[in-house]
């Protein structure tokens, strides 16, 4: 049997009744933060490619490492939610800046 000859039930992709509402809310937050990180990392790579203001290297790697450790050390609570999201966005931005040289190499 060829894998491309199978019938796919696309209605099953949109059926979420078996997932509890609290799990749905959690998944919504997880994927929203993931999308935010992807956008911010792309912005960091764009900033590196266009301006070369923040040169990737030891400084961006050290900054992203510090932000990651700070994020892990910050306790999760409702009061620290915005702070943790800011730390995550900063980590994603510096990670995007760190990808700048690899993108320049691929473009060249």
PDB file of N, CA and C in Angstrom:
ATOM      1  N   UNK A   1       0.834  -1.182   0.000  1.00  0.00           N
ATOM      2  CA  UNK A   1       0.000   0.000   0.000  1.00  0.00           C
ATOM      3  C   UNK A   1       0.882   1.248   0.000  1.00  0.00           C
ATOM      4  N   UNK A   2       0.580   2.154  -0.886  1.00  0.00           N
ATOM      5  CA  UNK A   2       1.312   3.401  -0.984  1.00  0.00           C
ATOM      6  C   UNK A   2       0.816   4.361   0.106  1.00  0.00           C
ATOM      7  N   UNK A   3       1.725   5.060   0.736  1.00  0.00           N
ATOM      8  CA  UNK A   3       1.348   5.966   1.824  1.00  0.00           C
ATOM      9  C   UNK A   3       0.496   7.130   1.317  1.00  0.00           C
ATOM     10  N   UNK A   4       0.631   7.489   0.069  1.00  0.00           N
ATOM     11  CA  UNK A   4      -0.116   8.620  -0.480  1.00  0.00           C
ATOM     12  C   UNK A   4      -1.520   8.239  -0.960  1.00  0.00           C
ATOM     13  N   UNK A   5      -1.828   6.956  -0.964  1.00  0.00           N
ATOM     14  CA  UNK A   5      -3.143   6.505  -1.390  1.00  0.00           C
ATOM     15  C   UNK A   5      -4.139   6.396  -0.232  1.00  0.00           C
ATOM     16  N   UNK A   6      -3.687   6.649   0.988  1.00  0.00           N
ATOM     17  CA  UNK A   6      -4.565   6.526   2.143  1.00  0.00           C
ATOM     18  C   UNK A   6      -5.551   7.688   2.200  1.00  0.00           C
ATOM     19  N   UNK A   7      -6.707   7.409   2.734  1.00  0.00           N
ATOM     20  CA  UNK A   7      -7.705   8.457   2.975  1.00  0.00           C
ATOM     21  C   UNK A   7      -7.355   9.168   4.280  1.00  0.00           C
ATOM     22  N   UNK A   8      -7.385  10.481   4.257  1.00  0.00           N
ATOM     23  CA  UNK A   8      -7.099  11.271   5.448  1.00  0.00           C
ATOM     24  C   UNK A   8      -8.384  11.951   5.882  1.00  0.00           C
ATOM     25  N   UNK A   9      -8.705  11.801   7.145  1.00  0.00           N
ATOM     26  CA  UNK A   9      -9.892  12.425   7.706  1.00  0.00           C
ATOM     27  C   UNK A   9      -9.502  13.798   8.251  1.00  0.00           C
ATOM     28  N   UNK A  10      -9.743  14.838   7.451  1.00  0.00           N
ATOM     29  CA  UNK A  10      -9.365  16.186   7.856  1.00  0.00           C
ATOM     30  C   UNK A  10     -10.272  16.737   8.956  1.00  0.00           C
ATOM     31  N   UNK A  11     -11.454  16.184   9.117  1.00  0.00           N
ATOM     32  CA  UNK A  11     -12.328  16.623  10.208  1.00  0.00           C
ATOM     33  C   UNK A  11     -11.740  16.266  11.566  1.00  0.00           C
ATOM     34  N   UNK A  12     -10.952  15.208  11.627  1.00  0.00           N
ATOM     35  CA  UNK A  12     -10.330  14.815  12.887  1.00  0.00           C
ATOM     36  C   UNK A  12      -9.292  15.831  13.340  1.00  0.00           C
ATOM     37  N   UNK A  13      -8.731  16.584  12.399  1.00  0.00           N
ATOM     38  CA  UNK A  13      -7.750  17.608  12.769  1.00  0.00           C
ATOM     39  C   UNK A  13      -8.381  18.764  13.531  1.00  0.00           C
ATOM     40  N   UNK A  14      -9.642  19.019  13.314  1.00  0.00           N
ATOM     41  CA  UNK A  14     -10.323  20.144  13.942  1.00  0.00           C
ATOM     42  C   UNK A  14     -11.201  19.730  15.114  1.00  0.00           C
ATOM     43  N   UNK A  15     -11.145  18.479  15.498  1.00  0.00           N
ATOM     44  CA  UNK A  15     -11.985  17.977  16.585  1.00  0.00           C
ATOM     45  C   UNK A  15     -11.180  18.004  17.892  1.00  0.00           C
ATOM     46  N   UNK A  16     -11.602  18.855  18.821  1.00  0.00           N
ATOM     47  CA  UNK A  16     -10.898  19.005  20.083  1.00  0.00           C
ATOM     48  C   UNK A  16     -11.772  18.660  21.277  1.00  0.00           C
ATOM     49  N   UNK A  17     -12.862  17.956  21.064  1.00  0.00           N
ATOM     50  CA  UNK A  17     -13.789  17.679  22.160  1.00  0.00           C
ATOM     51  C   UNK A  17     -13.202  16.719  23.190  1.00  0.00           C
ATOM     52  N   UNK A  18     -12.214  15.923  22.824  1.00  0.00           N
ATOM     53  CA  UNK A  18     -11.625  14.986  23.772  1.00  0.00           C
ATOM     54  C   UNK A  18     -10.563  15.639  24.656  1.00  0.00           C
ATOM     55  N   UNK A  19     -10.224  16.901  24.394  1.00  0.00           N
ATOM     56  CA  UNK A  19      -9.237  17.624  25.198  1.00  0.00           C
ATOM     57  C   UNK A  19      -9.986  18.539  26.163  1.00  0.00           C
ATOM     58  N   UNK A  20      -9.610  18.509  27.418  1.00  0.00           N
ATOM     59  CA  UNK A  20     -10.289  19.333  28.414  1.00  0.00           C
ATOM     60  C   UNK A  20     -10.038  20.817  28.136  1.00  0.00           C
ATOM     61  N   UNK A  21     -10.950  21.688  28.537  1.00  0.00           N
ATOM     62  CA  UNK A  21     -10.770  23.129  28.300  1.00  0.00           C
ATOM     63  C   UNK A  21      -9.500  23.701  28.930  1.00  0.00           C
ATOM     64  N   UNK A  22      -9.112  23.212  30.092  1.00  0.00           N
ATOM     65  CA  UNK A  22      -7.879  23.730  30.705  1.00  0.00           C
ATOM     66  C   UNK A  22      -6.655  23.336  29.884  1.00  0.00           C
ATOM     67  N   UNK A  23      -6.656  22.135  29.322  1.00  0.00           N
ATOM     68  CA  UNK A  23      -5.558  21.708  28.459  1.00  0.00           C
ATOM     69  C   UNK A  23      -5.552  22.510  27.167  1.00  0.00           C
ATOM     70  N   UNK A  24      -6.726  22.814  26.635  1.00  0.00           N
ATOM     71  CA  UNK A  24      -6.805  23.642  25.432  1.00  0.00           C
ATOM     72  C   UNK A  24      -6.227  25.028  25.689  1.00  0.00           C
ATOM     73  N   UNK A  25      -6.542  25.611  26.851  1.00  0.00           N
ATOM     74  CA  UNK A  25      -6.001  26.931  27.199  1.00  0.00           C
ATOM     75  C   UNK A  25      -4.484  26.870  27.332  1.00  0.00           C
ATOM     76  N   UNK A  26      -3.984  25.810  27.966  1.00  0.00           N
ATOM     77  CA  UNK A  26      -2.544  25.651  28.122  1.00  0.00           C
ATOM     78  C   UNK A  26      -1.855  25.528  26.766  1.00  0.00           C
ATOM     79  N   UNK A  27      -2.409  24.709  25.889  1.00  0.00           N
ATOM     80  CA  UNK A  27      -1.826  24.544  24.557  1.00  0.00           C
ATOM     81  C   UNK A  27      -1.861  25.841  23.764  1.00  0.00           C
ATOM     82  N   UNK A  28      -2.921  26.611  23.941  1.00  0.00           N
ATOM     83  CA  UNK A  28      -3.014  27.898  23.263  1.00  0.00           C
ATOM     84  C   UNK A  28      -1.889  28.830  23.710  1.00  0.00           C
ATOM     85  N   UNK A  29      -1.620  28.846  25.014  1.00  0.00           N
ATOM     86  CA  UNK A  29      -0.540  29.694  25.533  1.00  0.00           C
ATOM     87  C   UNK A  29       0.832  29.201  25.069  1.00  0.00           C
ATOM     88  N   UNK A  30       1.017  27.895  25.041  1.00  0.00           N
ATOM     89  CA  UNK A  30       2.299  27.334  24.628  1.00  0.00           C
ATOM     90  C   UNK A  30       2.593  27.685  23.177  1.00  0.00           C
ATOM     91  N   UNK A  31       1.632  27.473  22.298  1.00  0.00           N
ATOM     92  CA  UNK A  31       1.872  27.745  20.889  1.00  0.00           C
ATOM     93  C   UNK A  31       1.914  29.241  20.587  1.00  0.00           C
ATOM     94  N   UNK A  32       1.233  30.052  21.377  1.00  0.00           N
ATOM     95  CA  UNK A  32       1.342  31.503  21.204  1.00  0.00           C
ATOM     96  C   UNK A  32       2.731  31.987  21.599  1.00  0.00           C
ATOM     97  N   UNK A  33       3.273  31.452  22.687  1.00  0.00           N
ATOM     98  CA  UNK A  33       4.629  31.855  23.078  1.00  0.00           C
ATOM     99  C   UNK A  33       5.660  31.325  22.088  1.00  0.00           C
ATOM    100  N   UNK A  34       5.422  30.150  21.533  1.00  0.00           N
ATOM    101  CA  UNK A  34       6.320  29.627  20.508  1.00  0.00           C
ATOM    102  C   UNK A  34       6.301  30.507  19.256  1.00  0.00           C
ATOM    103  N   UNK A  35       5.112  30.941  18.835  1.00  0.00           N
ATOM    104  CA  UNK A  35       5.009  31.822  17.674  1.00  0.00           C
ATOM    105  C   UNK A  35       5.677  33.166  17.951  1.00  0.00           C
ATOM    106  N   UNK A  36       5.517  33.686  19.165  1.00  0.00           N
ATOM    107  CA  UNK A  36       6.170  34.936  19.531  1.00  0.00           C
ATOM    108  C   UNK A  36       7.691  34.791  19.458  1.00  0.00           C
ATOM    109  N   UNK A  37       8.209  33.681  19.970  1.00  0.00           N
ATOM    110  CA  UNK A  37       9.653  33.457  19.930  1.00  0.00           C
ATOM    111  C   UNK A  37      10.174  33.345  18.502  1.00  0.00           C
ATOM    112  N   UNK A  38       9.433  32.688  17.650  1.00  0.00           N
ATOM    113  CA  UNK A  38       9.861  32.580  16.256  1.00  0.00           C
ATOM    114  C   UNK A  38       9.899  33.950  15.584  1.00  0.00           C
ATOM    115  N   UNK A  39       8.886  34.773  15.859  1.00  0.00           N
ATOM    116  CA  UNK A  39       8.835  36.115  15.287  1.00  0.00           C
ATOM    117  C   UNK A  39       9.983  36.976  15.817  1.00  0.00           C
ATOM    118  N   UNK A  40      10.236  36.914  17.112  1.00  0.00           N
ATOM    119  CA  UNK A  40      11.293  37.726  17.711  1.00  0.00           C
ATOM    120  C   UNK A  40      12.671  37.250  17.246  1.00  0.00           C
ATOM    121  N   UNK A  41      12.870  35.951  17.108  1.00  0.00           N
ATOM    122  CA  UNK A  41      14.142  35.430  16.603  1.00  0.00           C
ATOM    123  C   UNK A  41      14.362  35.862  15.156  1.00  0.00           C
ATOM    124  N   UNK A  42      13.299  35.864  14.361  1.00  0.00           N
ATOM    125  CA  UNK A  42      13.422  36.351  12.981  1.00  0.00           C
ATOM    126  C   UNK A  42      13.770  37.832  12.968  1.00  0.00           C
ATOM    127  N   UNK A  43      13.188  38.598  13.893  1.00  0.00           N
ATOM    128  CA  UNK A  43      13.517  40.019  13.983  1.00  0.00           C
ATOM    129  C   UNK A  43      14.979  40.206  14.388  1.00  0.00           C
ATOM    130  N   UNK A  44      15.478  39.372  15.302  1.00  0.00           N
ATOM    131  CA  UNK A  44      16.882  39.447  15.697  1.00  0.00           C
ATOM    132  C   UNK A  44      17.812  39.128  14.544  1.00  0.00           C
ATOM    133  N   UNK A  45      17.478  38.125  13.756  1.00  0.00           N
ATOM    134  CA  UNK A  45      18.289  37.793  12.586  1.00  0.00           C
ATOM    135  C   UNK A  45      18.235  38.924  11.565  1.00  0.00           C
ATOM    136  N   UNK A  46      17.068  39.545  11.417  1.00  0.00           N
ATOM    137  CA  UNK A  46      16.935  40.668  10.487  1.00  0.00           C
ATOM    138  C   UNK A  46      17.779  41.855  10.944  1.00  0.00           C
ATOM    139  N   UNK A  47      17.756  42.127  12.236  1.00  0.00           N
ATOM    140  CA  UNK A  47      18.564  43.233  12.768  1.00  0.00           C
ATOM    141  C   UNK A  47      20.040  42.982  12.509  1.00  0.00           C
ATOM    142  N   UNK A  48      20.480  41.754  12.698  1.00  0.00           N
ATOM    143  CA  UNK A  48      21.886  41.452  12.427  1.00  0.00           C
ATOM    144  C   UNK A  48      22.213  41.590  10.940  1.00  0.00           C
ATOM    145  N   UNK A  49      21.334  41.121  10.084  1.00  0.00           N
ATOM    146  CA  UNK A  49      21.603  41.148   8.647  1.00  0.00           C
ATOM    147  C   UNK A  49      21.624  42.571   8.101  1.00  0.00           C
ATOM    148  N   UNK A  50      20.751  43.423   8.591  1.00  0.00           N
ATOM    149  CA  UNK A  50      20.613  44.759   8.017  1.00  0.00           C
ATOM    150  C   UNK A  50      21.589  45.757   8.637  1.00  0.00           C
ATOM    151  N   UNK A  51      21.688  45.758   9.950  1.00  0.00           N
ATOM    152  CA  UNK A  51      22.445  46.821  10.601  1.00  0.00           C
ATOM    153  C   UNK A  51      23.851  46.422  11.022  1.00  0.00           C
ATOM    154  N   UNK A  52      24.082  45.176  11.304  1.00  0.00           N
ATOM    155  CA  UNK A  52      25.345  44.701  11.878  1.00  0.00           C
ATOM    156  C   UNK A  52      25.685  45.461  13.149  1.00  0.00           C
ATOM    157  N   UNK A  53      24.649  46.053  13.771  1.00  0.00           N
ATOM    158  CA  UNK A  53      24.839  46.804  15.011  1.00  0.00           C
ATOM    159  C   UNK A  53      25.225  45.870  16.151  1.00  0.00           C
ATOM    160  N   UNK A  54      24.524  44.785  16.254  1.00  0.00           N
ATOM    161  CA  UNK A  54      24.837  43.784  17.275  1.00  0.00           C
ATOM    162  C   UNK A  54      25.534  42.633  16.562  1.00  0.00           C
ATOM    163  N   UNK A  55      26.833  42.571  16.675  1.00  0.00           N
ATOM    164  CA  UNK A  55      27.570  41.513  16.023  1.00  0.00           C
ATOM    165  C   UNK A  55      27.387  40.209  16.793  1.00  0.00           C
ATOM    166  N   UNK A  56      27.082  39.176  16.073  1.00  0.00           N
ATOM    167  CA  UNK A  56      26.920  37.875  16.707  1.00  0.00           C
ATOM    168  C   UNK A  56      28.286  37.359  17.128  1.00  0.00           C
ATOM    169  N   UNK A  57      28.299  36.593  18.116  1.00  0.00           N
ATOM    170  CA  UNK A  57      29.545  36.041  18.608  1.00  0.00           C
ATOM    171  C   UNK A  57      29.441  35.773  20.081  1.00  0.00           C
ATOM    172  N   UNK A  58      30.531  36.056  20.772  1.00  0.00           N
ATOM    173  CA  UNK A  58      30.588  35.759  22.194  1.00  0.00           C
ATOM    174  C   UNK A  58      29.584  36.574  22.987  1.00  0.00           C
ATOM    175  N   UNK A  59      29.381  37.834  22.623  1.00  0.00           N
ATOM    176  CA  UNK A  59      28.476  38.693  23.383  1.00  0.00           C
ATOM    177  C   UNK A  59      27.024  38.233  23.281  1.00  0.00           C
ATOM    178  N   UNK A  60      26.568  37.920  22.080  1.00  0.00           N
ATOM    179  CA  UNK A  60      25.179  37.458  21.936  1.00  0.00           C
ATOM    180  C   UNK A  60      24.987  36.068  22.539  1.00  0.00           C
ATOM    181  N   UNK A  61      25.993  35.203  22.427  1.00  0.00           N
ATOM    182  CA  UNK A  61      25.897  33.872  23.028  1.00  0.00           C
ATOM    183  C   UNK A  61      25.880  33.975  24.543  1.00  0.00           C
ATOM    184  N   UNK A  62      26.707  34.843  25.100  1.00  0.00           N
ATOM    185  CA  UNK A  62      26.738  35.029  26.543  1.00  0.00           C
ATOM    186  C   UNK A  62      25.430  35.651  27.036  1.00  0.00           C
ATOM    187  N   UNK A  63      24.913  36.622  26.283  1.00  0.00           N
ATOM    188  CA  UNK A  63      23.647  37.244  26.655  1.00  0.00           C
ATOM    189  C   UNK A  63      22.486  36.268  26.621  1.00  0.00           C
ATOM    190  N   UNK A  64      22.430  35.440  25.601  1.00  0.00           N
ATOM    191  CA  UNK A  64      21.340  34.465  25.531  1.00  0.00           C
ATOM    192  C   UNK A  64      21.470  33.417  26.631  1.00  0.00           C
ATOM    193  N   UNK A  65      22.694  33.037  26.974  1.00  0.00           N
ATOM    194  CA  UNK A  65      22.905  32.082  28.059  1.00  0.00           C
ATOM    195  C   UNK A  65      22.464  32.674  29.394  1.00  0.00           C
ATOM    196  N   UNK A  66      22.811  33.936  29.631  1.00  0.00           N
ATOM    197  CA  UNK A  66      22.405  34.605  30.865  1.00  0.00           C
ATOM    198  C   UNK A  66      20.890  34.703  30.952  1.00  0.00           C
ATOM    199  N   UNK A  67      20.235  35.073  29.844  1.00  0.00           N
ATOM    200  CA  UNK A  67      18.775  35.175  29.858  1.00  0.00           C
ATOM    201  C   UNK A  67      18.115  33.828  30.064  1.00  0.00           C
ATOM    202  N   UNK A  68      18.691  32.771  29.502  1.00  0.00           N
ATOM    203  CA  UNK A  68      18.123  31.445  29.682  1.00  0.00           C
ATOM    204  C   UNK A  68      18.233  30.999  31.143  1.00  0.00           C
ATOM    205  N   UNK A  69      19.375  31.243  31.760  1.00  0.00           N
ATOM    206  CA  UNK A  69      19.553  30.868  33.168  1.00  0.00           C
ATOM    207  C   UNK A  69      18.642  31.710  34.052  1.00  0.00           C
ATOM    208  N   UNK A  70      18.520  33.004  33.741  1.00  0.00           N
ATOM    209  CA  UNK A  70      17.639  33.881  34.508  1.00  0.00           C
ATOM    210  C   UNK A  70      16.187  33.414  34.393  1.00  0.00           C
ATOM    211  N   UNK A  71      15.797  33.010  33.187  1.00  0.00           N
ATOM    212  CA  UNK A  71      14.444  32.496  32.973  1.00  0.00           C
ATOM    213  C   UNK A  71      14.201  31.224  33.775  1.00  0.00           C
ATOM    214  N   UNK A  72      15.171  30.325  33.790  1.00  0.00           N
ATOM    215  CA  UNK A  72      15.016  29.085  34.547  1.00  0.00           C
ATOM    216  C   UNK A  72      15.001  29.339  36.052  1.00  0.00           C
ATOM    217  N   UNK A  73      15.699  30.380  36.506  1.00  0.00           N
ATOM    218  CA  UNK A  73      15.771  30.679  37.936  1.00  0.00           C
ATOM    219  C   UNK A  73      14.553  31.454  38.430  1.00  0.00           C
ATOM    220  N   UNK A  74      13.791  32.062  37.533  1.00  0.00           N
ATOM    221  CA  UNK A  74      12.618  32.832  37.935  1.00  0.00           C
ATOM    222  C   UNK A  74      11.462  31.871  38.193  1.00  0.00           C
ATOM    223  N   UNK A  75      10.883  31.912  39.382  1.00  0.00           N
ATOM    224  CA  UNK A  75       9.789  30.975  39.680  1.00  0.00           C
ATOM    225  C   UNK A  75       8.548  31.298  38.857  1.00  0.00           C
ATOM    226  N   UNK A  76       7.822  30.256  38.521  1.00  0.00           N
ATOM    227  CA  UNK A  76       6.603  30.425  37.726  1.00  0.00           C
ATOM    228  C   UNK A  76       5.444  30.764  38.651  1.00  0.00           C
ATOM    229  N   UNK A  77       4.887  31.941  38.444  1.00  0.00           N
ATOM    230  CA  UNK A  77       3.681  32.339  39.167  1.00  0.00           C
ATOM    231  C   UNK A  77       2.941  33.341  38.295  1.00  0.00           C
ATOM    232  N   UNK A  78       1.743  33.678  38.708  1.00  0.00           N
ATOM    233  CA  UNK A  78       0.955  34.633  37.932  1.00  0.00           C
ATOM    234  C   UNK A  78       1.605  36.016  37.931  1.00  0.00           C
ATOM    235  N   UNK A  79       2.293  36.365  39.018  1.00  0.00           N
ATOM    236  CA  UNK A  79       2.930  37.677  39.123  1.00  0.00           C
ATOM    237  C   UNK A  79       4.158  37.797  38.228  1.00  0.00           C
ATOM    238  N   UNK A  80       4.866  36.709  37.988  1.00  0.00           N
ATOM    239  CA  UNK A  80       6.097  36.754  37.196  1.00  0.00           C
ATOM    240  C   UNK A  80       5.881  36.340  35.744  1.00  0.00           C
ATOM    241  N   UNK A  81       4.646  36.190  35.336  1.00  0.00           N
ATOM    242  CA  UNK A  81       4.363  35.706  33.979  1.00  0.00           C
ATOM    243  C   UNK A  81       4.880  36.656  32.908  1.00  0.00           C
ATOM    244  N   UNK A  82       4.645  37.966  33.078  1.00  0.00           N
ATOM    245  CA  UNK A  82       5.103  38.942  32.079  1.00  0.00           C
ATOM    246  C   UNK A  82       6.623  39.045  32.071  1.00  0.00           C
ATOM    247  N   UNK A  83       7.245  38.969  33.234  1.00  0.00           N
ATOM    248  CA  UNK A  83       8.706  39.015  33.311  1.00  0.00           C
ATOM    249  C   UNK A  83       9.314  37.825  32.593  1.00  0.00           C
ATOM    250  N   UNK A  84       8.743  36.647  32.815  1.00  0.00           N
ATOM    251  CA  UNK A  84       9.254  35.444  32.158  1.00  0.00           C
ATOM    252  C   UNK A  84       9.067  35.499  30.647  1.00  0.00           C
ATOM    253  N   UNK A  85       7.949  36.071  30.211  1.00  0.00           N
ATOM    254  CA  UNK A  85       7.730  36.209  28.771  1.00  0.00           C
ATOM    255  C   UNK A  85       8.743  37.183  28.164  1.00  0.00           C
ATOM    256  N   UNK A  86       9.062  38.254  28.873  1.00  0.00           N
ATOM    257  CA  UNK A  86      10.087  39.189  28.409  1.00  0.00           C
ATOM    258  C   UNK A  86      11.462  38.554  28.340  1.00  0.00           C
ATOM    259  N   UNK A  87      11.795  37.750  29.342  1.00  0.00           N
ATOM    260  CA  UNK A  87      13.074  37.033  29.318  1.00  0.00           C
ATOM    261  C   UNK A  87      13.139  36.049  28.158  1.00  0.00           C
ATOM    262  N   UNK A  88      12.029  35.374  27.907  1.00  0.00           N
ATOM    263  CA  UNK A  88      11.975  34.432  26.785  1.00  0.00           C
ATOM    264  C   UNK A  88      12.127  35.165  25.454  1.00  0.00           C
ATOM    265  N   UNK A  89      11.486  36.322  25.333  1.00  0.00           N
ATOM    266  CA  UNK A  89      11.607  37.101  24.097  1.00  0.00           C
ATOM    267  C   UNK A  89      13.035  37.619  23.916  1.00  0.00           C
ATOM    268  N   UNK A  90      13.671  38.041  24.996  1.00  0.00           N
ATOM    269  CA  UNK A  90      15.062  38.477  24.900  1.00  0.00           C
ATOM    270  C   UNK A  90      15.984  37.347  24.492  1.00  0.00           C
ATOM    271  N   UNK A  91      15.753  36.167  25.063  1.00  0.00           N
ATOM    272  CA  UNK A  91      16.532  34.997  24.678  1.00  0.00           C
ATOM    273  C   UNK A  91      16.335  34.679  23.192  1.00  0.00           C
ATOM    274  N   UNK A  92      15.092  34.747  22.733  1.00  0.00           N
ATOM    275  CA  UNK A  92      14.813  34.449  21.322  1.00  0.00           C
ATOM    276  C   UNK A  92      15.477  35.486  20.417  1.00  0.00           C
ATOM    277  N   UNK A  93      15.456  36.762  20.823  1.00  0.00           N
ATOM    278  CA  UNK A  93      16.078  37.810  20.008  1.00  0.00           C
ATOM    279  C   UNK A  93      17.582  37.576  19.879  1.00  0.00           C
ATOM    280  N   UNK A  94      18.249  37.308  20.991  1.00  0.00           N
ATOM    281  CA  UNK A  94      19.692  37.086  20.928  1.00  0.00           C
ATOM    282  C   UNK A  94      20.033  35.787  20.204  1.00  0.00           C
ATOM    283  N   UNK A  95      19.167  34.807  20.270  1.00  0.00           N
ATOM    284  CA  UNK A  95      19.373  33.587  19.484  1.00  0.00           C
ATOM    285  C   UNK A  95      19.262  33.892  17.994  1.00  0.00           C
ATOM    286  N   UNK A  96      18.296  34.741  17.623  1.00  0.00           N
ATOM    287  CA  UNK A  96      18.177  35.161  16.227  1.00  0.00           C
ATOM    288  C   UNK A  96      19.390  35.943  15.769  1.00  0.00           C
ATOM    289  N   UNK A  97      19.915  36.798  16.645  1.00  0.00           N
ATOM    290  CA  UNK A  97      21.136  37.540  16.309  1.00  0.00           C
ATOM    291  C   UNK A  97      22.290  36.566  16.113  1.00  0.00           C
ATOM    292  N   UNK A  98      22.337  35.535  16.932  1.00  0.00           N
ATOM    293  CA  UNK A  98      23.383  34.529  16.795  1.00  0.00           C
ATOM    294  C   UNK A  98      23.292  33.742  15.502  1.00  0.00           C
ATOM    295  N   UNK A  99      22.106  33.678  14.921  1.00  0.00           N
ATOM    296  CA  UNK A  99      21.948  32.983  13.637  1.00  0.00           C
ATOM    297  C   UNK A  99      22.334  33.860  12.447  1.00  0.00           C
ATOM    298  N   UNK A 100      22.601  35.133  12.688  1.00  0.00           N
ATOM    299  CA  UNK A 100      22.942  36.059  11.608  1.00  0.00           C
ATOM    300  C   UNK A 100      24.101  35.610  10.730  1.00  0.00           C
ATOM    301  N   UNK A 101      25.247  35.226  11.297  1.00  0.00           N
ATOM    302  CA  UNK A 101      26.351  34.785  10.438  1.00  0.00           C
ATOM    303  C   UNK A 101      26.030  33.552   9.607  1.00  0.00           C
ATOM    304  N   UNK A 102      25.263  32.627  10.161  1.00  0.00           N
ATOM    305  CA  UNK A 102      24.872  31.445   9.386  1.00  0.00           C
ATOM    306  C   UNK A 102      23.967  31.832   8.226  1.00  0.00           C
ATOM    307  N   UNK A 103      23.066  32.801   8.459  1.00  0.00           N
ATOM    308  CA  UNK A 103      22.211  33.274   7.370  1.00  0.00           C
ATOM    309  C   UNK A 103      23.025  33.995   6.303  1.00  0.00           C
ATOM    310  N   UNK A 104      24.005  34.793   6.716  1.00  0.00           N
ATOM    311  CA  UNK A 104      24.858  35.460   5.742  1.00  0.00           C
ATOM    312  C   UNK A 104      25.628  34.454   4.892  1.00  0.00           C
ATOM    313  N   UNK A 105      26.086  33.384   5.525  1.00  0.00           N
ATOM    314  CA  UNK A 105      26.799  32.351   4.794  1.00  0.00           C
ATOM    315  C   UNK A 105      25.879  31.650   3.793  1.00  0.00           C
ATOM    316  N   UNK A 106      24.648  31.383   4.198  1.00  0.00           N
ATOM    317  CA  UNK A 106      23.691  30.730   3.290  1.00  0.00           C
ATOM    318  C   UNK A 106      23.319  31.633   2.133  1.00  0.00           C
ATOM    319  N   UNK A 107      23.167  32.912   2.391  1.00  0.00           N
ATOM    320  CA  UNK A 107      22.816  33.846   1.331  1.00  0.00           C
ATOM    321  C   UNK A 107      23.968  34.002   0.342  1.00  0.00           C
ATOM    322  N   UNK A 108      25.214  34.015   0.856  1.00  0.00           N
ATOM    323  CA  UNK A 108      26.380  34.152  -0.018  1.00  0.00           C
ATOM    324  C   UNK A 108      26.543  32.890  -0.847  1.00  0.00           C
TER     325      UNK A 108
END
